[in-house]
Amino acid sequence: MYSEKVLDHFYNPRNVGELPDANAIGTVGNPRCGDIMKIYMKIEDDIIKDISFKTFGCGAAIATSSMATELVKGKTIQEALSLTNSAVTDALDGLPPQKLHCSVLAEEGIKAAIGDYYRRQGIDPEPIVGCSFDCEACHKEHHEH
């Protein structure tokens, strides 16, 4: 059912835990379905210098979080924004169809953290990130103007 890479990233996840000096934090997921991802980033000079995650969910959710952090660590913000759920799935040598939503969550988590980074800089992230999957922040922004 799961590839060796998925199992490896589930049993030996990379970049796990909180990042105390994070200047970008994104939380995505749905508590009703059970998968929640929190992505922490330390961004300096447009580069993701460090990244970590905390995920509550199934093995595929943990594996996709781990792989997504590996794929964007050390990359520019623009490179990270181009990460797709398909790239995460491909890097893991595939996911079962019923678990593809986990790779979508990983992509959304990266974008949510970058959106948070821009908001902390006083920049509206929507023109840069698109939907940052932080509905509360976006809703607040659009009603402050």
Protein backbone atom coordinates (compact mmCIF):
# COMPACT_ATOMS: atom_id res chain seq x y z
CA MET A 1 0.00 0.00 0.00
CA TYR A 2 2.76 2.50 0.93
CA SER A 3 6.08 2.97 -0.82
CA GLU A 4 9.36 2.46 1.04
CA LYS A 5 9.91 6.24 0.99
CA VAL A 6 6.54 6.90 2.63
CA LEU A 7 7.32 4.35 5.33
CA ASP A 8 10.81 5.80 5.82
CA HIS A 9 9.46 9.35 6.27
CA PHE A 10 6.77 8.04 8.62
CA TYR A 11 9.11 5.98 10.81
CA ASN A 12 12.02 8.46 10.55
CA PRO A 13 10.45 11.87 9.93
CA ARG A 14 12.82 14.73 9.19
CA ASN A 15 12.56 18.22 10.68
CA VAL A 16 10.08 17.33 13.44
CA GLY A 17 9.17 19.69 16.25
CA GLU A 18 8.74 23.36 16.98
CA LEU A 19 11.25 25.90 15.74
CA PRO A 20 11.76 28.34 18.62
CA ASP A 21 13.05 31.19 16.43
CA ALA A 22 10.52 30.70 13.62
CA ASN A 23 9.44 33.87 11.86
CA ALA A 24 6.82 32.06 9.78
CA ILE A 25 4.21 29.62 11.09
CA GLY A 26 1.37 28.08 9.14
CA THR A 27 -1.35 25.76 10.39
CA VAL A 28 -3.63 23.89 8.03
CA GLY A 29 -6.03 21.02 8.32
CA ASN A 30 -9.38 20.03 9.53
CA PRO A 31 -9.82 18.76 13.08
CA ARG A 32 -12.98 16.92 11.97
CA CYS A 33 -11.06 14.72 9.49
CA GLY A 34 -8.11 14.41 11.84
CA ASP A 35 -5.13 15.76 9.89
CA ILE A 36 -3.58 18.99 11.18
CA MET A 37 -0.16 20.28 10.08
CA LYS A 38 1.80 23.09 11.62
CA ILE A 39 4.82 24.27 9.62
CA TYR A 40 7.54 26.43 11.20
CA MET A 41 10.09 28.34 9.11
CA LYS A 42 13.08 30.54 9.76
CA ILE A 43 13.40 32.77 6.70
CA GLU A 44 16.42 35.03 6.18
CA ASP A 45 17.26 36.99 3.02
CA ASP A 46 14.43 35.30 1.10
CA ILE A 47 15.85 31.82 1.94
CA ILE A 48 14.21 29.16 4.10
CA LYS A 49 17.17 28.64 6.42
CA ASP A 50 15.37 26.17 8.69
CA ILE A 51 12.00 24.43 8.71
CA SER A 52 10.17 22.00 10.94
CA PHE A 53 6.69 20.60 11.43
CA LYS A 54 4.28 19.13 13.92
CA THR A 55 1.55 16.99 12.40
CA PHE A 56 -1.40 15.30 14.02
CA GLY A 57 -2.67 12.70 11.60
CA CYS A 58 -2.12 9.46 9.79
CA GLY A 59 1.16 8.04 8.54
CA ALA A 60 0.73 9.63 5.11
CA ALA A 61 0.18 13.05 6.71
CA ILE A 62 3.41 12.69 8.69
CA ALA A 63 5.35 11.42 5.66
CA THR A 64 4.13 14.23 3.38
CA SER A 65 4.96 16.85 6.04
CA SER A 66 8.45 15.41 6.39
CA MET A 67 9.03 15.27 2.63
CA ALA A 68 7.66 18.77 2.02
CA THR A 69 10.04 20.24 4.60
CA GLU A 70 12.95 18.42 2.98
CA LEU A 71 11.97 19.70 -0.48
CA VAL A 72 11.91 23.39 0.52
CA LYS A 73 14.68 23.58 3.13
CA GLY A 74 17.42 25.90 1.84
CA LYS A 75 15.27 27.10 -1.06
CA THR A 76 14.07 30.61 -1.84
CA ILE A 77 10.55 31.64 -0.98
CA GLN A 78 9.68 31.59 -4.72
CA GLU A 79 11.02 28.06 -5.09
CA ALA A 80 9.00 26.96 -2.05
CA LEU A 81 5.85 28.57 -3.45
CA SER A 82 6.23 26.48 -6.60
CA LEU A 83 6.07 23.24 -4.59
CA THR A 84 3.02 21.26 -5.63
CA ASN A 85 1.24 18.38 -3.97
CA SER A 86 2.19 16.30 -7.03
CA ALA A 87 5.89 16.99 -6.41
CA VAL A 88 5.51 15.84 -2.79
CA THR A 89 3.67 12.70 -3.92
CA ASP A 90 6.27 11.98 -6.63
CA ALA A 91 9.15 12.45 -4.17
CA LEU A 92 7.51 9.81 -1.97
CA ASP A 93 7.10 7.42 -4.93
CA GLY A 94 3.34 7.81 -4.78
CA LEU A 95 0.47 7.69 -2.34
CA PRO A 96 -2.72 5.66 -2.36
CA PRO A 97 -5.60 7.65 -3.91
CA GLN A 98 -7.41 7.98 -0.59
CA LYS A 99 -4.29 9.62 0.91
CA LEU A 100 -3.59 12.22 -1.81
CA HIS A 101 -5.30 14.87 0.35
CA CYS A 102 -2.28 14.60 2.69
CA SER A 103 0.04 15.90 -0.03
CA VAL A 104 -2.38 18.76 -0.68
CA LEU A 105 -2.24 19.59 3.04
CA ALA A 106 1.57 19.65 2.90
CA GLU A 107 1.53 22.11 -0.03
CA GLU A 108 -1.03 24.26 1.81
CA GLY A 109 1.08 24.19 4.99
CA ILE A 110 4.12 25.58 3.16
CA LYS A 111 2.00 28.36 1.62
CA ALA A 112 0.33 29.13 4.95
CA ALA A 113 3.71 29.61 6.66
CA ILE A 114 4.96 31.85 3.84
CA GLY A 115 1.71 33.83 4.01
CA ASP A 116 2.31 34.31 7.74
CA TYR A 117 5.86 35.49 7.02
CA TYR A 118 4.60 38.19 4.66
CA ARG A 119 1.87 39.29 7.10
CA ARG A 120 4.54 39.68 9.81
CA GLN A 121 6.42 41.97 7.37
CA GLY A 122 3.28 44.07 6.89
CA ILE A 123 2.80 42.76 3.35
CA ASP A 124 -0.51 41.40 2.04
CA PRO A 125 0.45 37.83 1.07
CA GLU A 126 -2.46 37.17 -1.26
CA PRO A 127 -0.91 38.77 -4.41
CA ILE A 128 2.30 36.77 -3.81
CA VAL A 129 1.14 33.51 -2.27
CA GLY A 130 -2.41 33.34 -3.53
CA CYS A 131 -4.59 31.69 -0.94
CA SER A 132 -2.44 31.18 2.14
CA PHE A 133 -5.05 28.86 3.70
CA ASP A 134 -5.24 31.05 6.80
CA CYS A 135 -8.89 32.01 6.54
CA GLU A 136 -9.00 33.93 9.81
CA ALA A 137 -6.06 36.19 8.88
CA CYS A 138 -7.33 36.74 5.35
CA HIS A 139 -10.83 37.51 6.55
CA LYS A 140 -9.45 39.98 9.11
CA GLU A 141 -7.21 41.65 6.49
CA HIS A 142 -10.02 42.15 4.02
CA HIS A 143 -12.25 43.75 6.66
CA GLU A 144 -9.62 46.13 8.07
CA HIS A 145 -9.42 48.15 4.84
